[in-house]
Each structure stands twice: as C-alpha cells, then as structure tokens.
C-alpha cells in the first residue's frame, strides 16, 4: 500500500541565524554549548524525543560518536560569517513501522550517506498527530567535510553537493524511497514509498511553512495575518480532500467485494491472465470457433475418448463439450466454464482447451477442489496459473505425477542420459492421432486415386440444420 512519504533536504547556514550546535540541541531535545560559549537549551521538548542514532564511516575517531563534540569541531572549522555548517536530511517514519524497528529502518535508509563519508546525527521525535495517530519525524544532521586523520578535512566535499542537488534533490528522494520500501517489504510491512511530487500524484500541495511571527501577531491583534489565513484555508481544503479520498477508497473496496461475489457466482472457469489476450480472444471468439470447425476435424472421436458429444451454439457463440463422465465444458472463446462434477478428465480437457486457444498464462476461479485439479492439469501442459497456489496435498500429487512421467520417459541406449522430450501440444497430439487413424483406414481399404478418396474419420460436426445442410451439399 502506498503511504505518506516526506523527505526534506536543507542546510544549516549562519546567514539565517542558525548553527549546527543549535540544530543538534533541537534534534536531541537537550542542552549544548558551541565553540564560542553560546548555550542552546531545548530540554522542554524532551518528552517527544525517542532516540538518537549516530552513523559514522569506518575508521572514524572516537570523538565522532559524541554529537556535541562533532558539531563544535564542525563549526570551529568554518571562518566565514555566512558559512554553512551542516546539512539537514529529514524523513517521516511510516506509521506501519513498529517502534522496535525504528533504529534498523534508520540505519538501512541513511546508510548510503555514511558510506560516502558523512557523519550523521539522527534523532526521532514522536508526538501526537491531529488525527489521533502518531507523528514520527526522523531528523538527520550530516557533516559537510570528510574525516582526515583525527579531525575534519581542510576543504568541504563538493561532490556531495552535486549528488544531493542532482535533479533538484529527486535522486536522493528516490533513493531513500526505494530503500524504505525495500526495508518494509523485508519485514512484511504493507507500505510502499512514492517519491513523486504531490502534483504528479494528484494530491494537495504540501502545507507551507510560516515564520513564527504570524502566530505572535494573531495573539496580539486577534486577527490572523494574510499568510496565516491562507494556511487555515489550505488545511480546510486538505481535510475535505482527505474525507473525499476516504469515501472513494471505501467505495472502491465495496466495488471490489461485489465484483468478487459476481465472479464466484459465474461458476468455476479459467480465462487468460493477460488483459491483451482477453481482449483479443473476445474480439475473435466466434470466428475462431467457426474456423476450428470448418478447418476440418478439429476434435476427432478416435483421438479424444473422454468427449461424448460436441455441439456449437451459433446464437451465443459457444462451444459445448459433453464429457463421458457427465460433466460439460462451455468454451466461450475468452473463458472455459465447467458444468457438473470436477474430475481428472474434466480438468485435463479444460487445460487442453486452454492450450488450443494458445493461452500460456491463465487465471482459475472456483472452489479449492476445482482450482487444484485444473492447476495440476495446466502445469502438466506447461501453462502457468497466476492466481492460485496448490495446497500441500495437491502439490504432492503433482510431484508424484511428474516423477511417474519422468520414470516412463524413453531413455537413450547404451546407458547414456537423454533429456526428457518436451510435452507435445494438444494440437500436435490430435494431429498424430488423426494421421495414425487415417493410416489404419488406408491399410484396410482398396487403393484408389483422385477425388474418389474420402476421409471416413468420424469427427464431431455442428448440430445446426443450416451448417449440416451446407456440409451435405459440399460432399455432393
């Protein structure tokens, strides 16, 4: 399930009145003193601080594990009054990730930064959200210089800027989204991060960030500023959008349940798994069946002993195959339905009909017994079933059938190994049986030439009067 995903990139700049030590104190919700003696105290927010994680490259000195020491040294290296002291890499933790996996998730997502040589201080803030849930924010603070010897390098690492600014930061966002999704999948968490912008995802724009003086002005005057009024209007529209989205999701869920119920009422069947094959089969359904009949002995009585009768419903464009065991197959061109009990013969003929259509991937619908039987028959013919996994009992039966098939396969003489021949297609089996039948008939009849030769192979023909009359006139 695609969920909320947010990554915020920025820098800590002296020109804006910020410092790395101040940011570190805010993240850790504690007290710190910078290299010039300035004190920063954010201990009032201690209740929302969950944990601190330090990520360091290999072979870093011991002082790099202390956040206060790292940022005091990083600030002391900068001489300009407008210098940049650190980089901000913030992330919103998905609510689906439990607290016990927060640290493992952070280390997995932020690992590429430390591998490039950055030292990162990462803190997790956990506070109540307006919707009653939890608002878990991950605040990351990264250095701008590599470690050389026992201290920071004299020059900043400019290649990091090129990487983080590529495509306006989209490369880093996509990388973090991919790693977050991979982590959730490895732990069976139903979450997928989407790095696209809100506009690309057809979602409302993110909430703008306003300076604190807007709220202070409203407290003094009792009237919201223009920017604050716009923010309140934005929040109102966002709540309306979220309510409409929730209603749409509930409607889609209800539609899905109804569609499943309707599919189950249509009876057991198989159909091609790919949408393109479904559409193609639907357009060419009737023509394909008619060509099969008039192409000459599509299904021969001597070749398929399980079929008792075949009839074509010209009005509905359906082919009925009545089997010897009392069941029937209804071939509509884009699906094959079963009427009657499910037997091994019915399952094998269902798979054979699917193979005649050229379906290589199918979907199986029905109860467990039907799906198991048809899936076994399809797998034996090399047809993939995309929406069903065999039960342990059915899987054992399939393994036994495959072993028996391999045991009876022809071996190469003189003890040499010979690979088993690939299973012949249904059409090839019917062709071989038809040729064998004709050879037997020719051997028992006097030799004739020319147009006097008639194929006496019994074949199932359409039962409609019009087609029967046309067939009789053609023979005359």
Protein backbone atom coordinates (compact mmCIF):
# COMPACT_ATOMS: atom_id res chain seq x y z
CA UNK A 1 0.00 0.00 0.00
CA UNK A 2 1.39 3.40 -0.99
CA UNK A 3 1.54 5.62 2.09
CA UNK A 4 2.64 9.09 3.12
CA UNK A 5 6.27 9.85 2.25
CA UNK A 6 8.23 13.01 3.02
CA UNK A 7 11.91 13.87 2.69
CA UNK A 8 13.19 17.37 3.43
CA UNK A 9 16.69 18.48 2.39
CA UNK A 10 18.37 21.69 3.53
CA UNK A 11 21.46 23.30 5.02
CA UNK A 12 22.31 24.94 8.35
CA UNK A 13 23.55 28.42 7.41
CA UNK A 14 24.94 31.17 9.65
CA UNK A 15 23.45 33.81 7.34
CA UNK A 16 19.98 32.71 8.51
CA UNK A 17 20.94 32.81 12.19
CA UNK A 18 21.38 29.06 12.61
CA UNK A 19 24.24 26.86 13.72
CA UNK A 20 24.99 23.14 13.72
CA UNK A 21 25.19 23.00 17.55
CA UNK A 22 21.81 24.71 17.84
CA UNK A 23 20.27 22.26 15.41
CA UNK A 24 21.89 19.34 17.25
CA UNK A 25 20.40 20.55 20.57
CA UNK A 26 16.97 20.87 18.94
CA UNK A 27 17.16 17.34 17.50
CA UNK A 28 18.32 15.74 20.75
CA UNK A 29 15.92 17.89 22.86
CA UNK A 30 18.81 18.67 25.21
CA UNK A 31 21.39 21.32 26.18
CA UNK A 32 24.58 22.07 24.23
CA UNK A 33 27.28 24.75 24.24
CA UNK A 34 29.03 25.73 20.99
CA UNK A 35 32.73 26.52 20.46
CA UNK A 36 32.15 30.21 21.30
CA UNK A 37 30.33 29.53 24.56
CA UNK A 38 26.73 30.06 23.38
CA UNK A 39 24.22 27.84 25.15
CA UNK A 40 21.20 26.21 23.49
CA UNK A 41 18.53 24.54 25.62
CA UNK A 42 15.65 22.52 24.13
CA UNK A 43 15.11 20.23 27.10
CA UNK A 44 11.47 21.39 27.30
CA UNK A 45 10.78 19.13 24.31
CA UNK A 46 12.37 16.09 25.98
CA UNK A 47 9.06 14.22 26.16
CA UNK A 48 8.83 13.83 22.37
CA UNK A 49 12.43 12.62 21.88
CA UNK A 50 12.56 8.88 21.21
CA UNK A 51 16.17 8.02 20.30
CA UNK A 52 19.48 9.25 18.88
CA UNK A 53 21.45 7.25 16.29
CA UNK A 54 24.99 8.19 15.23
CA UNK A 55 26.17 6.92 11.83
CA UNK A 56 29.90 7.17 11.15
CA UNK A 57 32.16 5.91 8.36
CA UNK A 58 34.64 3.17 9.12
CA UNK A 59 37.86 4.11 10.96
CA UNK A 60 36.49 7.34 12.44
CA UNK A 61 37.96 8.67 15.73
CA UNK A 62 36.13 8.07 19.00
CA UNK A 63 35.03 11.70 19.40
CA UNK A 64 32.84 11.29 16.28
CA UNK A 65 30.37 9.29 18.44
CA UNK A 66 29.63 12.38 20.58
CA UNK A 67 27.12 14.73 18.85
CA UNK A 68 28.19 17.80 20.84
CA UNK A 69 31.87 17.30 20.04
CA UNK A 70 31.16 16.64 16.34
CA UNK A 71 29.29 19.90 15.78
CA UNK A 72 31.59 22.03 17.91
CA UNK A 73 34.52 20.89 15.77
CA UNK A 74 32.49 21.28 12.56
CA UNK A 75 31.56 24.88 13.47
CA UNK A 76 35.14 25.73 14.51
CA UNK A 77 36.36 24.77 11.00
CA UNK A 78 34.18 27.47 9.40
CA UNK A 79 35.65 31.00 9.29
CA UNK A 80 33.12 32.94 7.22
CA UNK A 81 30.20 34.73 8.88
CA UNK A 82 27.79 33.30 6.29
CA UNK A 83 29.26 29.79 6.25
CA UNK A 84 27.22 26.61 6.01
CA UNK A 85 27.93 24.31 8.95
CA UNK A 86 25.85 21.16 8.29
CA UNK A 87 23.26 19.58 6.07
CA UNK A 88 19.66 18.62 7.01
CA UNK A 89 18.17 15.31 5.80
CA UNK A 90 14.74 14.79 7.41
CA UNK A 91 12.37 11.87 6.88
CA UNK A 92 8.86 10.97 8.03
CA UNK A 93 8.73 7.49 9.54
CA UNK A 94 5.75 5.42 8.23
CA UNK A 95 3.21 4.63 10.92
CA UNK A 96 3.22 0.99 9.84
CA UNK A 97 6.82 0.56 11.09
CA UNK A 98 6.76 -0.50 14.77
CA UNK A 99 8.95 1.26 17.33
CA UNK A 100 11.13 -1.83 17.73
CA UNK A 101 12.26 -1.47 14.08
CA UNK A 102 12.88 2.29 14.03
CA UNK A 103 16.64 2.08 14.54
CA UNK A 104 17.07 -0.72 11.99
CA UNK A 105 15.00 1.24 9.48
CA UNK A 106 17.04 4.41 10.04
CA UNK A 107 20.35 2.62 9.59
CA UNK A 108 19.14 0.99 6.37
CA UNK A 109 17.74 4.18 4.81
CA UNK A 110 20.63 6.50 5.79
CA UNK A 111 23.44 4.01 5.12
CA UNK A 112 24.39 5.47 1.67
CA UNK A 113 25.23 8.82 3.31
CA UNK A 114 27.67 7.35 5.82
CA UNK A 115 29.17 5.16 3.10
CA UNK A 116 30.08 8.34 1.19
CA UNK A 117 31.99 9.61 4.24
CA UNK A 118 29.43 11.73 6.14
CA UNK A 119 28.93 11.68 9.91
CA UNK A 120 25.22 11.81 10.75
CA UNK A 121 23.34 12.55 13.93
CA UNK A 122 19.81 11.14 13.54
CA UNK A 123 17.08 11.75 16.10
CA UNK A 124 13.49 10.52 16.23
CA UNK A 125 10.69 12.74 17.54
CA UNK A 126 7.41 11.03 18.43
CA UNK A 127 4.42 13.30 19.13
CA UNK A 128 0.59 13.05 18.83
CA UNK A 129 -0.89 13.94 15.44
CA UNK A 130 -4.07 15.94 14.81
CA UNK A 131 -5.90 12.83 13.56
CA UNK A 132 -5.26 10.90 16.77
CA UNK A 133 -2.34 8.90 15.41
CA UNK A 134 1.41 9.31 15.90
CA UNK A 135 3.58 11.91 14.16
CA UNK A 136 7.03 10.28 13.95
CA UNK A 137 9.69 12.51 12.38
CA UNK A 138 13.29 11.50 11.73
CA UNK A 139 15.71 14.47 11.87
CA UNK A 140 19.10 13.93 10.22
CA UNK A 141 22.10 16.26 10.53
CA UNK A 142 25.10 15.49 8.27
CA UNK A 143 28.61 16.94 8.11
CA UNK A 144 29.97 18.81 5.08
CA UNK A 145 33.59 17.64 5.41
CA UNK A 146 35.30 14.27 5.40
CA UNK A 147 37.38 12.94 8.28
CA UNK A 148 41.12 13.18 7.67
CA UNK A 149 43.36 11.84 10.40
CA UNK A 150 41.99 12.89 13.79
CA UNK A 151 39.88 15.80 12.52
CA UNK A 152 37.89 17.27 9.68
CA UNK A 153 39.42 17.92 6.26
CA UNK A 154 40.51 21.47 5.40
CA UNK A 155 38.16 21.62 2.40
CA UNK A 156 34.49 20.77 2.12
CA UNK A 157 33.48 17.79 -0.01
CA UNK A 158 31.86 19.47 -3.04
CA UNK A 159 30.95 16.18 -4.72
CA UNK A 160 28.33 15.64 -2.02
CA UNK A 161 26.62 18.86 -3.12
CA UNK A 162 26.49 17.69 -6.73
CA UNK A 163 24.92 14.39 -5.67
CA UNK A 164 22.34 15.94 -3.33
CA UNK A 165 21.39 18.69 -5.81
CA UNK A 166 21.04 16.43 -8.86
CA UNK A 167 17.57 16.91 -10.38
CA UNK A 168 16.75 19.28 -7.51
CA UNK A 169 17.23 16.51 -4.96
CA UNK A 170 14.98 14.00 -6.72
CA UNK A 171 17.80 11.44 -7.00
CA UNK A 172 18.24 11.34 -3.21
CA UNK A 173 14.48 11.30 -2.60
CA UNK A 174 14.02 8.34 -4.97
CA UNK A 175 16.96 6.51 -3.38
CA UNK A 176 15.54 6.93 0.13
CA UNK A 177 12.04 5.93 -1.02
CA UNK A 178 13.39 2.76 -2.63
CA UNK A 179 15.39 1.78 0.47
CA UNK A 180 12.45 2.49 2.77
CA UNK A 181 10.15 0.35 0.61
CA UNK A 182 12.72 -2.47 0.49
CA UNK A 183 13.07 -2.43 4.28
CA UNK A 184 9.30 -2.61 4.80
CA UNK A 185 8.95 -5.50 2.34
CA UNK A 186 11.73 -7.46 4.04
CA UNK A 187 9.78 -7.29 7.33
CA UNK A 188 6.37 -7.94 5.76
CA UNK A 189 5.13 -4.37 6.34
CA UNK A 190 2.38 -3.20 3.98
CA UNK A 191 3.95 0.10 2.89
CA UNK A 192 5.45 1.47 -0.33
CA UNK A 193 7.05 4.92 -0.59
CA UNK A 194 6.30 7.09 -3.63
CA UNK A 195 8.95 9.75 -4.34
CA UNK A 196 6.83 11.63 -6.87
CA UNK A 197 5.65 15.13 -6.06
CA UNK A 198 2.12 15.79 -4.80
CA UNK A 199 1.19 17.34 -8.16
CA UNK A 200 2.35 14.21 -10.02
CA UNK A 201 0.33 12.03 -7.62
CA UNK A 202 -2.78 14.24 -7.88
CA UNK A 203 -2.59 15.16 -4.20
CA UNK A 204 -2.92 18.54 -2.45
CA UNK A 205 0.19 20.70 -2.23
CA UNK A 206 2.24 20.36 0.98
CA UNK A 207 1.45 22.71 3.83
CA UNK A 208 3.53 25.93 3.62
CA UNK A 209 5.89 26.77 6.48
CA UNK A 210 5.31 30.21 8.03
CA UNK A 211 7.56 32.25 10.33
CA UNK A 212 6.57 32.26 13.99
CA UNK A 213 5.74 35.98 13.98
CA UNK A 214 2.48 35.21 12.15
CA UNK A 215 1.12 33.41 15.22
CA UNK A 216 2.54 36.05 17.56
CA UNK A 217 0.80 38.78 15.53
CA UNK A 218 -2.51 36.93 15.71
CA UNK A 219 -2.16 36.61 19.52
CA UNK A 220 -1.60 40.37 19.80
CA UNK A 221 -4.32 41.52 17.40
CA UNK A 222 -6.74 38.61 17.46
CA UNK A 223 -6.79 38.68 13.65
CA UNK A 224 -4.81 36.17 11.54
CA UNK A 225 -2.32 37.56 9.07
CA UNK A 226 -2.92 37.08 5.35
CA UNK A 227 -0.43 34.21 5.22
CA UNK A 228 -1.98 32.54 8.28
CA UNK A 229 -5.48 32.87 6.82
CA UNK A 230 -4.24 31.23 3.62
CA UNK A 231 -2.73 28.41 5.70
CA UNK A 232 -6.01 27.84 7.54
CA UNK A 233 -7.88 27.74 4.21
CA UNK A 234 -5.31 25.26 2.89
CA UNK A 235 -5.86 23.00 5.92
CA UNK A 236 -9.64 23.18 5.43
CA UNK A 237 -9.32 22.13 1.77
CA UNK A 238 -6.93 19.34 2.71
CA UNK A 239 -9.40 17.92 5.24
CA UNK A 240 -12.13 17.97 2.59
CA UNK A 241 -9.83 16.20 0.14
CA UNK A 242 -8.89 13.55 2.71
CA UNK A 243 -12.59 12.93 3.51
CA UNK A 244 -13.40 12.57 -0.19
CA UNK A 245 -10.40 10.27 -0.68
CA UNK A 246 -11.52 8.07 2.24
CA UNK A 247 -15.04 7.88 0.78
CA UNK A 248 -13.61 6.95 -2.65
CA UNK A 249 -11.42 4.23 -1.12
CA UNK A 250 -14.41 2.80 0.75
CA UNK A 251 -16.44 2.80 -2.47
CA UNK A 252 -13.66 1.06 -4.41
CA UNK A 253 -13.38 -1.57 -1.69
CA UNK A 254 -17.13 -2.18 -1.85
CA UNK A 255 -16.97 -2.48 -5.66
CA UNK A 256 -14.13 -5.00 -5.37
CA UNK A 257 -16.17 -7.12 -2.94
CA UNK A 258 -19.18 -7.03 -5.28
CA UNK A 259 -17.07 -7.99 -8.30
CA UNK A 260 -15.59 -10.94 -6.42
CA UNK A 261 -19.07 -12.07 -5.44
CA UNK A 262 -20.26 -11.84 -9.05
CA UNK A 263 -17.22 -13.76 -10.30
CA UNK A 264 -17.87 -16.53 -7.79
CA UNK A 265 -21.49 -16.83 -8.96
CA UNK A 266 -20.45 -17.29 -12.59
CA UNK A 267 -19.17 -20.74 -11.73
CA UNK A 268 -15.78 -22.46 -11.95
CA UNK A 269 -13.78 -21.41 -15.00
CA UNK A 270 -10.38 -20.46 -16.37
CA UNK A 271 -9.52 -17.49 -18.55
CA UNK A 272 -6.32 -15.93 -19.94
CA UNK A 273 -4.38 -13.99 -17.32
CA UNK A 274 -3.26 -11.12 -19.55
CA UNK A 275 -5.68 -8.35 -20.43
CA UNK A 276 -4.43 -8.19 -24.03
CA UNK A 277 -5.17 -11.90 -24.53
CA UNK A 278 -8.63 -11.45 -23.04
CA UNK A 279 -9.48 -8.60 -25.41
CA UNK A 280 -8.09 -10.41 -28.43
CA UNK A 281 -9.97 -13.60 -27.55
CA UNK A 282 -13.21 -11.67 -27.07
CA UNK A 283 -12.97 -9.96 -30.47
CA UNK A 284 -12.08 -13.15 -32.31
CA UNK A 285 -14.09 -15.58 -30.21
CA UNK A 286 -16.82 -16.64 -32.64
CA UNK A 287 -14.63 -16.54 -35.73
CA UNK A 288 -12.01 -18.74 -34.04
CA UNK A 289 -14.59 -21.40 -33.13
CA UNK A 290 -16.10 -21.41 -36.62
CA UNK A 291 -12.69 -21.68 -38.26
CA UNK A 292 -11.87 -24.58 -35.95
CA UNK A 293 -14.96 -26.48 -37.11
CA UNK A 294 -14.73 -25.78 -40.82
CA UNK A 295 -10.94 -26.20 -40.90
CA UNK A 296 -11.51 -29.94 -40.81
CA UNK A 297 -11.90 -32.36 -37.89
CA UNK A 298 -10.80 -30.07 -35.06
CA UNK A 299 -11.76 -32.70 -32.49
CA UNK A 300 -11.86 -36.35 -33.59
CA UNK A 301 -13.82 -39.05 -31.80
CA UNK A 302 -10.95 -41.53 -32.02
CA UNK A 303 -8.47 -39.01 -30.61
CA UNK A 304 -10.39 -37.81 -27.55
CA UNK A 305 -12.23 -40.68 -25.90
CA UNK A 306 -13.33 -38.52 -22.94
CA UNK A 307 -15.61 -36.37 -25.13
CA UNK A 308 -19.05 -37.87 -25.67
CA UNK A 309 -20.51 -35.07 -27.79
CA UNK A 310 -19.58 -31.64 -29.10
CA UNK A 311 -22.12 -29.01 -30.13
CA UNK A 312 -21.83 -25.41 -31.19
CA UNK A 313 -24.32 -22.77 -30.04
CA UNK A 314 -24.34 -20.47 -33.05
CA UNK A 315 -26.65 -17.91 -31.43
CA UNK A 316 -24.46 -17.38 -28.35
CA UNK A 317 -21.14 -18.21 -29.99
CA UNK A 318 -20.29 -21.00 -27.54
CA UNK A 319 -18.88 -24.49 -27.93
CA UNK A 320 -20.25 -27.23 -25.63
CA UNK A 321 -18.14 -30.30 -24.95
CA UNK A 322 -20.13 -33.03 -23.15
CA UNK A 323 -17.74 -35.47 -21.46
CA UNK A 324 -18.20 -39.16 -20.79
CA UNK A 325 -18.22 -38.60 -17.01
CA UNK A 326 -21.36 -36.43 -17.19
CA UNK A 327 -19.72 -33.00 -16.94
CA UNK A 328 -19.66 -30.36 -19.68
CA UNK A 329 -17.21 -27.69 -20.77
CA UNK A 330 -18.54 -24.42 -22.17
CA UNK A 331 -15.92 -22.68 -24.32
CA UNK A 332 -16.87 -19.03 -24.95
CA UNK A 333 -13.55 -18.09 -26.53
CA UNK A 334 -12.40 -15.87 -23.66
CA UNK A 335 -13.20 -18.30 -20.82
CA UNK A 336 -13.85 -22.02 -20.32
CA UNK A 337 -16.59 -22.91 -17.81
CA UNK A 338 -17.35 -26.25 -16.12
CA UNK A 339 -20.84 -27.58 -15.57
CA UNK A 340 -21.07 -30.68 -13.42
CA UNK A 341 -18.63 -32.52 -11.14
CA UNK A 342 -14.92 -31.80 -11.28
CA UNK A 343 -12.98 -34.89 -12.30
CA UNK A 344 -9.45 -35.54 -13.52
CA UNK A 345 -10.78 -35.95 -17.08
CA UNK A 346 -12.70 -32.68 -16.90
CA UNK A 347 -9.61 -30.89 -15.58
CA UNK A 348 -7.38 -32.32 -18.32
CA UNK A 349 -9.88 -31.37 -21.06
CA UNK A 350 -10.13 -27.86 -19.59
CA UNK A 351 -6.35 -27.48 -19.80
CA UNK A 352 -6.37 -28.95 -23.32
CA UNK A 353 -8.97 -26.40 -24.43
CA UNK A 354 -6.87 -23.60 -22.94
CA UNK A 355 -3.85 -24.91 -24.85
CA UNK A 356 -5.84 -24.97 -28.11
CA UNK A 357 -6.52 -21.27 -27.59
CA UNK A 358 -2.79 -20.64 -27.12
CA UNK A 359 -3.12 -19.38 -23.54
CA UNK A 360 0.23 -19.60 -21.75
CA UNK A 361 -0.91 -17.86 -18.53
CA UNK A 362 -4.39 -18.36 -17.08
CA UNK A 363 -6.46 -17.45 -14.03
CA UNK A 364 -8.50 -20.16 -12.28
CA UNK A 365 -11.76 -19.34 -10.46
CA UNK A 366 -13.88 -21.68 -8.32
CA UNK A 367 -13.64 -23.67 -5.12
CA UNK A 368 -10.41 -25.20 -3.79
CA UNK A 369 -11.01 -28.64 -5.36
CA UNK A 370 -11.63 -27.18 -8.83
CA UNK A 371 -8.66 -24.83 -8.68
CA UNK A 372 -6.30 -27.61 -7.52
CA UNK A 373 -7.41 -30.05 -10.24
CA UNK A 374 -7.26 -27.53 -13.10
CA UNK A 375 -3.97 -26.06 -11.86
CA UNK A 376 -2.37 -29.54 -11.86
CA UNK A 377 -3.65 -30.18 -15.39
CA UNK A 378 -2.38 -26.80 -16.62
CA UNK A 379 1.06 -27.22 -15.04
CA UNK A 380 1.45 -30.64 -16.64
CA UNK A 381 0.87 -28.95 -20.02
CA UNK A 382 3.27 -26.07 -19.31
CA UNK A 383 0.53 -23.47 -18.69
CA UNK A 384 1.16 -21.04 -15.82
CA UNK A 385 -1.62 -20.29 -13.31
CA UNK A 386 -1.14 -16.79 -11.92
CA UNK A 387 -3.75 -16.56 -9.17
CA UNK A 388 -3.58 -19.90 -7.33
CA UNK A 389 -1.05 -21.89 -5.33
CA UNK A 390 -1.57 -25.61 -4.85
CA UNK A 391 -2.45 -27.00 -1.46
CA UNK A 392 0.22 -29.27 0.11
CA UNK A 393 -1.82 -32.35 -0.78
CA UNK A 394 -2.28 -31.26 -4.40
CA UNK A 395 1.39 -30.30 -4.67
CA UNK A 396 2.40 -33.77 -3.51
CA UNK A 397 0.12 -35.31 -6.15
CA UNK A 398 1.63 -33.10 -8.85
CA UNK A 399 5.15 -34.09 -7.80
CA UNK A 400 4.14 -37.76 -7.96
CA UNK A 401 2.68 -37.35 -11.46
CA UNK A 402 5.79 -35.56 -12.68
CA UNK A 403 8.02 -38.29 -11.21
CA UNK A 404 5.95 -41.01 -12.87
CA UNK A 405 6.14 -39.16 -16.17
CA UNK A 406 9.92 -38.88 -15.94
CA UNK A 407 10.24 -42.54 -14.95
CA UNK A 408 8.33 -43.70 -18.03
CA UNK A 409 10.18 -41.41 -20.44
CA UNK A 410 12.34 -43.02 -23.13
CA UNK A 411 16.00 -43.40 -22.23
CA UNK A 412 18.91 -43.20 -24.62
CA UNK A 413 20.56 -46.60 -25.48
CA UNK A 414 23.90 -47.76 -24.08
CA UNK A 415 23.17 -46.17 -20.73
CA UNK A 416 23.63 -42.61 -21.96
CA UNK A 417 21.49 -39.94 -20.40
CA UNK A 418 18.84 -38.37 -22.61
CA UNK A 419 16.74 -35.36 -21.59
CA UNK A 420 13.01 -35.96 -21.48
CA UNK A 421 11.21 -34.70 -24.55
CA UNK A 422 9.09 -31.57 -24.06
CA UNK A 423 5.36 -32.25 -23.72
CA UNK A 424 3.60 -32.18 -27.08
CA UNK A 425 0.91 -29.58 -27.53
CA UNK A 426 -2.74 -30.61 -27.66
CA UNK A 427 -2.91 -29.77 -31.37
CA UNK A 428 0.17 -31.93 -32.08
CA UNK A 429 -1.31 -34.87 -30.17
CA UNK A 430 -4.54 -34.62 -32.15
CA UNK A 431 -2.63 -34.39 -35.44
CA UNK A 432 -0.59 -37.51 -34.68
CA UNK A 433 -3.66 -39.49 -33.67
CA UNK A 434 -5.51 -38.36 -36.80
CA UNK A 435 -2.66 -39.42 -39.07
CA UNK A 436 -2.44 -42.79 -37.32
CA UNK A 437 -6.19 -43.28 -37.74
CA UNK A 438 -6.02 -42.49 -41.45
CA UNK A 439 -3.09 -44.85 -41.96
CA UNK A 440 -5.13 -47.64 -40.41
CA UNK A 441 -8.11 -46.89 -42.63
CA UNK A 442 -5.94 -46.75 -45.78
CA UNK A 443 -4.41 -50.13 -44.93
CA UNK A 444 -7.87 -51.74 -44.71
CA UNK A 445 -9.28 -50.20 -47.92
CA UNK A 446 -8.53 -50.89 -51.63
CA UNK A 447 -6.20 -48.42 -53.26
CA UNK A 448 -7.98 -45.58 -55.11
CA UNK A 449 -6.86 -42.40 -56.75
CA UNK A 450 -8.07 -38.92 -57.47
CA UNK A 451 -11.13 -37.35 -55.92
CA UNK A 452 -12.70 -40.76 -55.09
CA UNK A 453 -10.71 -40.82 -51.85
CA UNK A 454 -12.91 -39.84 -48.92
CA UNK A 455 -11.82 -39.29 -45.34
CA UNK A 456 -14.05 -41.53 -43.26
CA UNK A 457 -12.61 -40.38 -39.94
CA UNK A 458 -15.51 -39.79 -37.56
CA UNK A 459 -15.43 -36.14 -36.50
CA UNK A 460 -17.77 -34.05 -34.42
CA UNK A 461 -19.70 -31.59 -36.60
CA UNK A 462 -22.01 -28.69 -35.76
CA UNK A 463 -25.55 -29.72 -34.95
CA UNK A 464 -27.31 -26.68 -36.51
CA UNK A 465 -29.52 -27.58 -39.50
CA UNK A 466 -28.11 -24.85 -41.73
CA UNK A 467 -24.48 -25.92 -41.25
CA UNK A 468 -25.48 -29.60 -41.64
CA UNK A 469 -27.21 -28.90 -44.98
CA UNK A 470 -24.26 -26.88 -46.21
CA UNK A 471 -21.89 -29.73 -45.26
CA UNK A 472 -24.06 -32.26 -47.15
CA UNK A 473 -24.16 -30.11 -50.30
CA UNK A 474 -20.37 -29.72 -50.21
CA UNK A 475 -19.93 -33.51 -50.07
CA UNK A 476 -22.23 -33.97 -53.11
